[in-house]
Amino acid sequence: MEELNKFLIIKEKPPIYKTKTGREKQRDNLIRIKSAVVAEELLELFFGN
């Protein structure tokens, strides 16, 4: 994930969402990757490793 953040320049703020209890939180990042496998595939796509 850190490698993608270094490669991409994102000027937007991460979205705000509501939890099940009704609290509002802001995501840490715009990019959400659910597995290390997907992250590795994306890095290969971008950097051609």
PDB file of N, CA and C in Angstrom:
ATOM      1  N   MET A   1       0.820  -1.188   0.000  1.00  0.00           N
ATOM      2  CA  MET A   1       0.000   0.000   0.000  1.00  0.00           C
ATOM      3  C   MET A   1       0.868   1.257   0.000  1.00  0.00           C
ATOM      4  N   GLU A   2       1.940   1.249   0.777  1.00  0.00           N
ATOM      5  CA  GLU A   2       2.805   2.422   0.832  1.00  0.00           C
ATOM      6  C   GLU A   2       3.431   2.721  -0.526  1.00  0.00           C
ATOM      7  N   GLU A   3       3.757   1.663  -1.279  1.00  0.00           N
ATOM      8  CA  GLU A   3       4.344   1.867  -2.600  1.00  0.00           C
ATOM      9  C   GLU A   3       3.360   2.559  -3.533  1.00  0.00           C
ATOM     10  N   LEU A   4       2.083   2.189  -3.441  1.00  0.00           N
ATOM     11  CA  LEU A   4       1.064   2.840  -4.275  1.00  0.00           C
ATOM     12  C   LEU A   4       0.906   4.302  -3.887  1.00  0.00           C
ATOM     13  N   ASN A   5       0.946   4.594  -2.595  1.00  0.00           N
ATOM     14  CA  ASN A   5       0.823   5.984  -2.153  1.00  0.00           C
ATOM     15  C   ASN A   5       1.983   6.831  -2.640  1.00  0.00           C
ATOM     16  N   LYS A   6       3.170   6.256  -2.746  1.00  0.00           N
ATOM     17  CA  LYS A   6       4.322   6.995  -3.259  1.00  0.00           C
ATOM     18  C   LYS A   6       4.174   7.262  -4.756  1.00  0.00           C
ATOM     19  N   PHE A   7       3.561   6.329  -5.464  1.00  0.00           N
ATOM     20  CA  PHE A   7       3.420   6.422  -6.913  1.00  0.00           C
ATOM     21  C   PHE A   7       2.288   7.361  -7.322  1.00  0.00           C
ATOM     22  N   LEU A   8       1.178   7.305  -6.601  1.00  0.00           N
ATOM     23  CA  LEU A   8      -0.006   8.092  -6.947  1.00  0.00           C
ATOM     24  C   LEU A   8      -0.025   9.417  -6.194  1.00  0.00           C
ATOM     25  N   ILE A   9      -0.460  10.462  -6.856  1.00  0.00           N
ATOM     26  CA  ILE A   9      -0.649  11.754  -6.208  1.00  0.00           C
ATOM     27  C   ILE A   9      -2.150  12.005  -6.165  1.00  0.00           C
ATOM     28  N   ILE A  10      -2.701  11.936  -4.969  1.00  0.00           N
ATOM     29  CA  ILE A  10      -4.145  12.106  -4.800  1.00  0.00           C
ATOM     30  C   ILE A  10      -4.369  13.373  -3.985  1.00  0.00           C
ATOM     31  N   LYS A  11      -5.113  14.311  -4.560  1.00  0.00           N
ATOM     32  CA  LYS A  11      -5.329  15.598  -3.902  1.00  0.00           C
ATOM     33  C   LYS A  11      -6.673  15.677  -3.182  1.00  0.00           C
ATOM     34  N   GLU A  12      -7.458  14.624  -3.247  1.00  0.00           N
ATOM     35  CA  GLU A  12      -8.754  14.609  -2.573  1.00  0.00           C
ATOM     36  C   GLU A  12      -8.600  14.161  -1.130  1.00  0.00           C
ATOM     37  N   LYS A  13      -9.547  14.584  -0.298  1.00  0.00           N
ATOM     38  CA  LYS A  13      -9.581  14.079   1.069  1.00  0.00           C
ATOM     39  C   LYS A  13     -10.289  12.724   1.058  1.00  0.00           C
ATOM     40  N   PRO A  14      -9.891  11.823   1.937  1.00  0.00           N
ATOM     41  CA  PRO A  14     -10.593  10.538   2.023  1.00  0.00           C
ATOM     42  C   PRO A  14     -12.052  10.749   2.431  1.00  0.00           C
ATOM     43  N   PRO A  15     -12.939   9.840   2.015  1.00  0.00           N
ATOM     44  CA  PRO A  15     -14.361  10.009   2.300  1.00  0.00           C
ATOM     45  C   PRO A  15     -14.697   9.841   3.781  1.00  0.00           C
ATOM     46  N   ILE A  16     -15.806  10.446   4.174  1.00  0.00           N
ATOM     47  CA  ILE A  16     -16.344  10.297   5.526  1.00  0.00           C
ATOM     48  C   ILE A  16     -17.452   9.259   5.451  1.00  0.00           C
ATOM     49  N   TYR A  17     -17.504   8.395   6.444  1.00  0.00           N
ATOM     50  CA  TYR A  17     -18.528   7.356   6.464  1.00  0.00           C
ATOM     51  C   TYR A  17     -19.119   7.261   7.862  1.00  0.00           C
ATOM     52  N   LYS A  18     -20.284   6.638   7.972  1.00  0.00           N
ATOM     53  CA  LYS A  18     -20.930   6.442   9.265  1.00  0.00           C
ATOM     54  C   LYS A  18     -20.741   5.006   9.722  1.00  0.00           C
ATOM     55  N   THR A  19     -20.438   4.850  11.002  1.00  0.00           N
ATOM     56  CA  THR A  19     -20.305   3.518  11.579  1.00  0.00           C
ATOM     57  C   THR A  19     -21.696   2.985  11.919  1.00  0.00           C
ATOM     58  N   LYS A  20     -21.754   1.735  12.359  1.00  0.00           N
ATOM     59  CA  LYS A  20     -23.038   1.136  12.742  1.00  0.00           C
ATOM     60  C   LYS A  20     -23.681   1.877  13.905  1.00  0.00           C
ATOM     61  N   THR A  21     -22.848   2.494  14.749  1.00  0.00           N
ATOM     62  CA  THR A  21     -23.376   3.224  15.906  1.00  0.00           C
ATOM     63  C   THR A  21     -23.743   4.664  15.570  1.00  0.00           C
ATOM     64  N   GLY A  22     -23.520   5.087  14.324  1.00  0.00           N
ATOM     65  CA  GLY A  22     -23.899   6.421  13.892  1.00  0.00           C
ATOM     66  C   GLY A  22     -22.789   7.459  13.967  1.00  0.00           C
ATOM     67  N   ARG A  23     -21.602   7.052  14.412  1.00  0.00           N
ATOM     68  CA  ARG A  23     -20.475   7.986  14.460  1.00  0.00           C
ATOM     69  C   ARG A  23     -19.925   8.214  13.057  1.00  0.00           C
ATOM     70  N   GLU A  24     -19.450   9.423  12.803  1.00  0.00           N
ATOM     71  CA  GLU A  24     -18.827   9.722  11.512  1.00  0.00           C
ATOM     72  C   GLU A  24     -17.318   9.604  11.644  1.00  0.00           C
ATOM     73  N   LYS A  25     -16.721   8.920  10.685  1.00  0.00           N
ATOM     74  CA  LYS A  25     -15.266   8.751  10.656  1.00  0.00           C
ATOM     75  C   LYS A  25     -14.773   9.061   9.255  1.00  0.00           C
ATOM     76  N   GLN A  26     -13.508   9.440   9.172  1.00  0.00           N
ATOM     77  CA  GLN A  26     -12.901   9.679   7.864  1.00  0.00           C
ATOM     78  C   GLN A  26     -11.891   8.574   7.599  1.00  0.00           C
ATOM     79  N   ARG A  27     -11.940   8.040   6.407  1.00  0.00           N
ATOM     80  CA  ARG A  27     -11.004   6.977   6.046  1.00  0.00           C
ATOM     81  C   ARG A  27      -9.576   7.517   6.066  1.00  0.00           C
ATOM     82  N   ASP A  28      -8.620   6.622   6.286  1.00  0.00           N
ATOM     83  CA  ASP A  28      -7.212   7.013   6.300  1.00  0.00           C
ATOM     84  C   ASP A  28      -6.697   7.273   4.895  1.00  0.00           C
ATOM     85  N   ASN A  29      -7.320   6.617   3.905  1.00  0.00           N
ATOM     86  CA  ASN A  29      -6.782   6.637   2.562  1.00  0.00           C
ATOM     87  C   ASN A  29      -7.920   6.481   1.562  1.00  0.00           C
ATOM     88  N   LEU A  30      -7.740   6.969   0.350  1.00  0.00           N
ATOM     89  CA  LEU A  30      -8.740   6.768  -0.697  1.00  0.00           C
ATOM     90  C   LEU A  30      -8.669   5.367  -1.287  1.00  0.00           C
ATOM     91  N   ILE A  31      -7.482   4.780  -1.229  1.00  0.00           N
ATOM     92  CA  ILE A  31      -7.287   3.457  -1.815  1.00  0.00           C
ATOM     93  C   ILE A  31      -7.534   2.411  -0.745  1.00  0.00           C
ATOM     94  N   ARG A  32      -8.402   1.460  -1.046  1.00  0.00           N
ATOM     95  CA  ARG A  32      -8.656   0.364  -0.111  1.00  0.00           C
ATOM     96  C   ARG A  32      -8.341  -0.937  -0.817  1.00  0.00           C
ATOM     97  N   ILE A  33      -7.432  -1.675  -0.259  1.00  0.00           N
ATOM     98  CA  ILE A  33      -7.062  -2.973  -0.819  1.00  0.00           C
ATOM     99  C   ILE A  33      -7.358  -4.024   0.235  1.00  0.00           C
ATOM    100  N   LYS A  34      -8.150  -5.033  -0.157  1.00  0.00           N
ATOM    101  CA  LYS A  34      -8.595  -6.020   0.814  1.00  0.00           C
ATOM    102  C   LYS A  34      -7.630  -7.172   1.009  1.00  0.00           C
ATOM    103  N   SER A  35      -6.694  -7.357   0.109  1.00  0.00           N
ATOM    104  CA  SER A  35      -5.767  -8.469   0.298  1.00  0.00           C
ATOM    105  C   SER A  35      -4.387  -8.123  -0.232  1.00  0.00           C
ATOM    106  N   ALA A  36      -3.396  -8.788   0.322  1.00  0.00           N
ATOM    107  CA  ALA A  36      -2.022  -8.567  -0.121  1.00  0.00           C
ATOM    108  C   ALA A  36      -1.833  -9.031  -1.559  1.00  0.00           C
ATOM    109  N   VAL A  37      -2.597 -10.036  -1.977  1.00  0.00           N
ATOM    110  CA  VAL A  37      -2.487 -10.548  -3.345  1.00  0.00           C
ATOM    111  C   VAL A  37      -2.881  -9.462  -4.340  1.00  0.00           C
ATOM    112  N   VAL A  38      -3.968  -8.775  -4.081  1.00  0.00           N
ATOM    113  CA  VAL A  38      -4.424  -7.699  -4.964  1.00  0.00           C
ATOM    114  C   VAL A  38      -3.389  -6.580  -4.977  1.00  0.00           C
ATOM    115  N   ALA A  39      -2.826  -6.261  -3.831  1.00  0.00           N
ATOM    116  CA  ALA A  39      -1.811  -5.213  -3.755  1.00  0.00           C
ATOM    117  C   ALA A  39      -0.597  -5.576  -4.599  1.00  0.00           C
ATOM    118  N   GLU A  40      -0.154  -6.813  -4.506  1.00  0.00           N
ATOM    119  CA  GLU A  40       0.995  -7.257  -5.300  1.00  0.00           C
ATOM    120  C   GLU A  40       0.697  -7.174  -6.794  1.00  0.00           C
ATOM    121  N   GLU A  41      -0.518  -7.565  -7.196  1.00  0.00           N
ATOM    122  CA  GLU A  41      -0.894  -7.507  -8.610  1.00  0.00           C
ATOM    123  C   GLU A  41      -0.911  -6.064  -9.110  1.00  0.00           C
ATOM    124  N   LEU A  42      -1.415  -5.151  -8.297  1.00  0.00           N
ATOM    125  CA  LEU A  42      -1.438  -3.740  -8.692  1.00  0.00           C
ATOM    126  C   LEU A  42      -0.027  -3.180  -8.830  1.00  0.00           C
ATOM    127  N   LEU A  43       0.843  -3.540  -7.901  1.00  0.00           N
ATOM    128  CA  LEU A  43       2.227  -3.070  -7.985  1.00  0.00           C
ATOM    129  C   LEU A  43       2.911  -3.594  -9.237  1.00  0.00           C
ATOM    130  N   GLU A  44       2.647  -4.849  -9.576  1.00  0.00           N
ATOM    131  CA  GLU A  44       3.216  -5.410 -10.806  1.00  0.00           C
ATOM    132  C   GLU A  44       2.702  -4.664 -12.027  1.00  0.00           C
ATOM    133  N   LEU A  45       1.417  -4.325 -12.018  1.00  0.00           N
ATOM    134  CA  LEU A  45       0.833  -3.578 -13.130  1.00  0.00           C
ATOM    135  C   LEU A  45       1.496  -2.210 -13.288  1.00  0.00           C
ATOM    136  N   PHE A  46       1.647  -1.484 -12.182  1.00  0.00           N
ATOM    137  CA  PHE A  46       2.208  -0.139 -12.231  1.00  0.00           C
ATOM    138  C   PHE A  46       3.699  -0.130 -12.513  1.00  0.00           C
ATOM    139  N   PHE A  47       4.432  -1.021 -11.847  1.00  0.00           N
ATOM    140  CA  PHE A  47       5.890  -0.955 -11.903  1.00  0.00           C
ATOM    141  C   PHE A  47       6.521  -2.021 -12.780  1.00  0.00           C
ATOM    142  N   GLY A  48       5.731  -3.009 -13.205  1.00  0.00           N
ATOM    143  CA  GLY A  48       6.237  -4.038 -14.099  1.00  0.00           C
ATOM    144  C   GLY A  48       7.297  -4.938 -13.503  1.00  0.00           C
ATOM    145  N   ASN A  49       7.180  -5.234 -12.226  1.00  0.00           N
ATOM    146  CA  ASN A  49       8.177  -6.108 -11.565  1.00  0.00           C
ATOM    147  C   ASN A  49       8.018  -7.523 -12.015  1.00  0.00           C
TER     148      ASN A  49
END
